[in-house]
Amino acid sequence: MAGRSRQPQGPPPPPVVARVRIRYAKRGRLRFSSHRDLARGFERALRRAEVPMAYSAGFSPHPRISYVGAAPTGAASEAEYLEIGLIEPVDLAELRTALDAALPAGFDIVEAVPAGPGSLAERIEASRWRIELPGVTTEALAAAVFRLLAANQALVTRMTKAGQREVDVRPAVVALRVSQSGKDPGRAIMNAVVRQVVPAVRPEDILTALRDVGGLVSTEAAPAVATRLAQGPLDDNGAVGDPLAADRAPQSS
C-alpha cells in the first residue's frame, strides 16, 4: 500500500554474544591496497573461514566489523586494529589460524583477544611511524626536523572529501627522531610519534612539512617508505602504548 514503510522480511538477525578485537599487519605489496580493498578481502576471509559473524538488520545486512584508524594507501603497518561481533563464542587461537589461512599474503593476523569494556577507538590517541627517506642524509634530515619542530605552525595543502584544505601539521607532531640506515648512509630514517587528530596527519603530510618548512631536499626520486609500528594510548613521556593491554587483563567478576 502506498505510503506504508517497507519492512524487511523474516526474523531479525541473531544478537551479538561475543566481540573480538584483532590486531593485523599490512605488509609487502599489500601496502598499496586501499582500506576499502582490504575490508572487502577481510569479509571474504570471514566467509571462507566460516566465522559465526553477527550481521546488521535491514534490507542490506552487513557483518558487524568496526575498523579503527586505518593506515593510508601506500603505507605498511604492523599495528592495524578492528573489532568483530559474533553470534557465538569461538576459540581465538583457531579463529586466528583460520583467518590467516583465508587471507592473502601480507594481510597477517597478529593477535586476537576478547573485547573488554569501553571503546577501542577511544584508546587510539597516537601512532608511531618509521619513515625511510632515500637520498637524504641524517644531517640534512636532522636540520629539517629541527626547523619543523621550532615552527609555530606547518601548513600543508591536501585533498579531502570536501576538496582542498590547509592542515596544520605541527600540533599533531609529538616527536621526530632521526637515525641512519646501517646499510645505506644516504638513506636516513625518521621515527615519528603523531597524535590522532581530525583530519588525520599522515606521513606524507609530515614529509611535505619537512620540505616546505624545514627545507628538506632529496637527491633521489624514490619515494619514502612509511611503516606504522604502533598506535594506541599516549603517555606523558610521548610513548605509544598497547590498546589491547586492558583486554588481556583478567576481568573482575
Protein backbone atom coordinates (compact mmCIF):
# COMPACT_ATOMS: atom_id res chain seq x y z
CA MET A 1 0.00 0.00 0.00
CA ALA A 2 1.29 3.45 -0.94
CA GLY A 3 2.65 5.44 1.98
CA ARG A 4 3.35 2.38 4.15
CA SER A 5 7.02 1.98 5.11
CA ARG A 6 8.68 -1.17 3.88
CA GLN A 7 9.81 -3.70 6.46
CA PRO A 8 12.43 -6.41 5.98
CA GLN A 9 11.01 -9.89 5.67
CA GLY A 10 11.95 -12.68 8.06
CA PRO A 11 13.15 -12.75 11.67
CA PRO A 12 15.74 -10.28 13.00
CA PRO A 13 19.37 -11.43 12.88
CA PRO A 14 20.84 -13.22 15.93
CA PRO A 15 22.28 -10.84 18.53
CA VAL A 16 25.96 -10.26 19.22
CA VAL A 17 27.05 -12.54 22.08
CA ALA A 18 30.84 -12.05 21.80
CA ARG A 19 33.17 -9.38 20.47
CA VAL A 20 36.77 -9.93 19.39
CA ARG A 21 39.46 -7.31 18.86
CA ILE A 22 42.08 -8.10 16.26
CA ARG A 23 45.49 -6.64 15.53
CA TYR A 24 46.67 -7.22 11.99
CA ALA A 25 49.60 -6.22 9.81
CA LYS A 26 49.67 -4.81 6.29
CA ARG A 27 52.94 -5.90 4.72
CA GLY A 28 54.72 -6.14 1.39
CA ARG A 29 52.72 -5.30 -1.73
CA LEU A 30 49.52 -5.02 0.29
CA ARG A 31 50.63 -1.60 1.50
CA PHE A 32 49.48 -0.32 -1.89
CA SER A 33 45.94 -1.65 -1.31
CA SER A 34 43.24 0.80 -0.24
CA HIS A 35 41.35 0.37 3.01
CA ARG A 36 38.22 -0.47 1.01
CA ASP A 37 40.03 -3.30 -0.81
CA LEU A 38 41.39 -4.65 2.46
CA ALA A 39 37.94 -4.53 4.04
CA ARG A 40 36.44 -6.49 1.15
CA GLY A 41 39.23 -9.04 1.41
CA PHE A 42 38.67 -9.41 5.12
CA GLU A 43 34.93 -10.00 4.66
CA ARG A 44 35.69 -12.73 2.09
CA ALA A 45 38.12 -14.33 4.54
CA LEU A 46 35.46 -14.34 7.27
CA ARG A 47 33.12 -16.25 4.96
CA ARG A 48 35.81 -18.73 3.88
CA ALA A 49 36.84 -19.34 7.48
CA GLU A 50 33.16 -19.83 8.40
CA VAL A 51 33.38 -17.35 11.27
CA PRO A 52 29.95 -17.07 13.01
CA MET A 53 29.56 -13.37 12.31
CA ALA A 54 26.76 -11.18 13.59
CA TYR A 55 25.01 -9.05 10.97
CA SER A 56 23.15 -5.77 11.00
CA ALA A 57 19.38 -5.70 10.45
CA GLY A 58 17.64 -4.15 7.43
CA PHE A 59 17.46 -4.78 3.71
CA SER A 60 21.26 -4.86 3.23
CA PRO A 61 22.74 -6.72 6.22
CA HIS A 62 26.44 -6.12 6.84
CA PRO A 63 28.82 -8.08 9.06
CA ARG A 64 29.48 -6.40 12.40
CA ILE A 65 33.01 -5.11 11.80
CA SER A 66 34.46 -1.88 13.20
CA TYR A 67 37.78 -0.63 11.81
CA VAL A 68 39.96 1.74 13.84
CA GLY A 69 42.49 4.21 12.41
CA ALA A 70 43.27 2.53 9.09
CA ALA A 71 46.69 3.32 7.61
CA PRO A 72 46.69 5.31 4.35
CA THR A 73 47.24 3.65 0.98
CA GLY A 74 50.96 3.23 0.32
CA ALA A 75 51.91 2.81 3.98
CA ALA A 76 52.73 -0.51 5.59
CA SER A 77 51.68 -1.25 9.14
CA GLU A 78 52.36 -3.63 11.99
CA ALA A 79 49.54 -2.25 14.12
CA GLU A 80 46.12 -2.10 12.48
CA TYR A 81 43.02 -2.83 14.57
CA LEU A 82 39.45 -3.93 14.10
CA GLU A 83 36.61 -5.42 16.14
CA ILE A 84 34.11 -8.07 15.08
CA GLY A 85 30.79 -9.15 16.59
CA LEU A 86 29.94 -12.86 16.77
CA ILE A 87 26.71 -14.77 17.32
CA GLU A 88 28.55 -17.45 19.32
CA PRO A 89 31.87 -17.69 21.17
CA VAL A 90 34.88 -19.09 19.30
CA ASP A 91 38.34 -20.36 20.19
CA LEU A 92 40.57 -17.37 19.48
CA ALA A 93 43.63 -19.42 18.51
CA GLU A 94 41.54 -21.33 15.97
CA LEU A 95 40.00 -18.07 14.72
CA ARG A 96 43.42 -16.56 14.12
CA THR A 97 44.68 -19.68 12.31
CA ALA A 98 41.58 -19.91 10.11
CA LEU A 99 41.70 -16.24 9.14
CA ASP A 100 45.42 -16.35 8.37
CA ALA A 101 44.79 -19.29 6.04
CA ALA A 102 41.97 -17.43 4.26
CA LEU A 103 43.71 -14.04 3.92
CA PRO A 104 46.23 -13.07 1.21
CA ALA A 105 49.93 -12.96 2.00
CA GLY A 106 50.77 -9.66 3.65
CA PHE A 107 47.43 -9.35 5.43
CA ASP A 108 48.53 -11.08 8.61
CA ILE A 109 46.63 -11.59 11.86
CA VAL A 110 48.97 -10.70 14.74
CA GLU A 111 46.66 -11.12 17.71
CA ALA A 112 43.02 -11.74 18.65
CA VAL A 113 41.66 -11.02 22.13
CA PRO A 114 38.18 -10.89 23.69
CA ALA A 115 36.85 -7.34 23.71
CA GLY A 116 36.70 -5.76 27.13
CA PRO A 117 34.52 -2.84 28.18
CA GLY A 118 34.70 0.55 26.56
CA SER A 119 35.53 1.64 23.06
CA LEU A 120 38.69 0.55 21.26
CA ALA A 121 38.65 3.77 19.22
CA GLU A 122 38.91 5.84 22.43
CA ARG A 123 42.25 4.16 23.19
CA ILE A 124 43.83 5.22 19.90
CA GLU A 125 45.45 8.56 20.71
CA ALA A 126 48.63 8.46 18.63
CA SER A 127 50.70 6.47 16.13
CA ARG A 128 54.40 5.70 15.93
CA TRP A 129 55.85 5.61 12.40
CA ARG A 130 59.16 4.55 10.91
CA ILE A 131 59.84 6.52 7.73
CA GLU A 132 62.80 5.72 5.45
CA LEU A 133 63.96 8.54 3.17
CA PRO A 134 66.20 7.50 0.26
CA GLY A 135 68.55 10.18 -0.99
CA VAL A 136 68.54 12.04 2.34
CA THR A 137 71.44 12.16 4.80
CA THR A 138 70.93 12.14 8.54
CA GLU A 139 72.47 15.61 8.74
CA ALA A 140 70.02 17.08 6.22
CA LEU A 141 67.05 15.38 7.85
CA ALA A 142 68.10 16.44 11.36
CA ALA A 143 68.35 20.06 10.22
CA ALA A 144 64.91 19.94 8.60
CA VAL A 145 63.41 18.29 11.70
CA PHE A 146 64.92 20.99 13.92
CA ARG A 147 63.34 23.74 11.80
CA LEU A 148 59.95 22.00 11.72
CA LEU A 149 59.85 21.42 15.48
CA ALA A 150 60.85 25.04 16.07
CA ALA A 151 57.98 26.34 13.92
CA ASN A 152 54.72 27.53 15.47
CA GLN A 153 52.76 26.06 12.59
CA ALA A 154 53.35 23.99 9.47
CA LEU A 155 50.55 24.36 6.94
CA VAL A 156 50.24 21.84 4.13
CA THR A 157 47.58 21.65 1.43
CA ARG A 158 45.89 18.30 0.98
CA MET A 159 42.87 16.88 -0.75
CA THR A 160 39.97 15.85 1.48
CA LYS A 161 36.42 14.67 0.75
CA ALA A 162 35.37 18.32 0.90
CA GLY A 163 38.10 19.40 -1.55
CA GLN A 164 41.45 21.05 -0.93
CA ARG A 165 42.10 22.33 2.57
CA GLU A 166 45.05 23.53 4.61
CA VAL A 167 46.08 21.34 7.53
CA ASP A 168 48.44 22.47 10.28
CA VAL A 169 50.77 19.52 10.81
CA ARG A 170 52.73 20.97 13.73
CA PRO A 171 50.21 20.44 16.62
CA ALA A 172 49.90 16.73 15.78
CA VAL A 173 53.66 16.05 15.88
CA VAL A 174 54.71 14.78 19.31
CA ALA A 175 58.27 13.74 18.45
CA LEU A 176 60.59 13.27 15.46
CA ARG A 177 63.83 11.33 15.90
CA VAL A 178 66.47 10.79 13.22
CA SER A 179 68.75 7.81 12.65
CA GLN A 180 70.74 6.33 9.77
CA SER A 181 70.34 3.08 7.89
CA GLY A 182 73.32 0.87 8.59
CA LYS A 183 73.22 -0.49 5.04
CA ASP A 184 72.90 2.84 3.21
CA PRO A 185 74.47 6.06 4.57
CA GLY A 186 72.40 8.05 2.07
CA ARG A 187 69.13 6.72 3.45
CA ALA A 188 68.02 8.48 6.62
CA ILE A 189 65.37 7.06 8.94
CA MET A 190 62.90 9.07 10.97
CA ASN A 191 60.77 7.79 13.84
CA ALA A 192 57.68 9.94 14.30
CA VAL A 193 55.05 9.99 17.04
CA VAL A 194 51.89 11.65 15.76
CA ARG A 195 48.67 12.43 17.61
CA GLN A 196 45.40 11.16 16.23
CA VAL A 197 43.57 14.29 15.06
CA VAL A 198 40.84 15.13 12.55
CA PRO A 199 41.70 15.18 9.73
CA ALA A 200 44.45 12.63 10.38
CA VAL A 201 48.01 13.82 9.82
CA ARG A 202 49.67 11.23 7.57
CA PRO A 203 53.36 10.51 6.96
CA GLU A 204 53.16 12.25 3.59
CA ASP A 205 51.88 15.39 5.33
CA ILE A 206 54.89 15.39 7.65
CA LEU A 207 57.23 14.93 4.68
CA THR A 208 55.56 17.83 2.89
CA ALA A 209 56.06 19.98 6.00
CA LEU A 210 59.71 18.93 6.19
CA ARG A 211 60.18 20.12 2.61
CA ASP A 212 58.12 23.31 2.84
CA VAL A 213 59.06 24.41 6.37
CA GLY A 214 62.27 22.51 7.02
CA GLY A 215 63.81 22.92 3.56
CA LEU A 216 64.44 19.19 3.11
CA VAL A 217 65.70 18.10 -0.33
CA SER A 218 66.15 14.53 -1.56
CA THR A 219 68.74 13.57 -4.16
CA GLU A 220 66.66 10.57 -5.29
CA ALA A 221 63.26 10.29 -6.95
CA ALA A 222 62.41 7.13 -4.99
CA PRO A 223 59.52 7.70 -2.57
CA ALA A 224 59.79 7.49 1.19
CA VAL A 225 58.72 4.22 2.79
CA ALA A 226 56.45 4.56 5.83
CA THR A 227 55.58 1.78 8.26
CA ARG A 228 53.31 2.20 11.25
CA LEU A 229 54.87 0.38 14.19
CA ALA A 230 52.27 1.13 16.86
CA GLN A 231 49.08 3.00 17.58
CA GLY A 232 47.35 3.37 20.91
CA PRO A 233 47.26 5.50 24.07
CA LEU A 234 49.87 8.24 24.51
CA ASP A 235 51.65 8.54 27.86
CA ASP A 236 53.22 11.61 29.47
CA ASN A 237 56.63 10.70 28.03
CA GLY A 238 55.36 10.63 24.46
CA ALA A 239 55.38 6.83 24.17
CA VAL A 240 52.60 4.99 22.31
CA GLY A 241 51.07 2.18 24.35
CA ASP A 242 49.21 -1.03 23.54
CA PRO A 243 45.45 -0.53 23.04
CA LEU A 244 44.74 -4.23 23.72
CA ALA A 245 46.50 -4.32 27.10
CA ALA A 246 43.28 -3.73 29.01
CA ASP A 247 41.54 -6.53 27.10
CA ARG A 248 44.25 -9.04 28.07
CA ALA A 249 43.96 -8.13 31.75
CA PRO A 250 41.78 -10.50 33.82
CA GLN A 251 38.25 -9.12 34.01
CA SER A 252 36.83 -8.84 37.51
CA SER A 253 33.74 -10.96 38.13
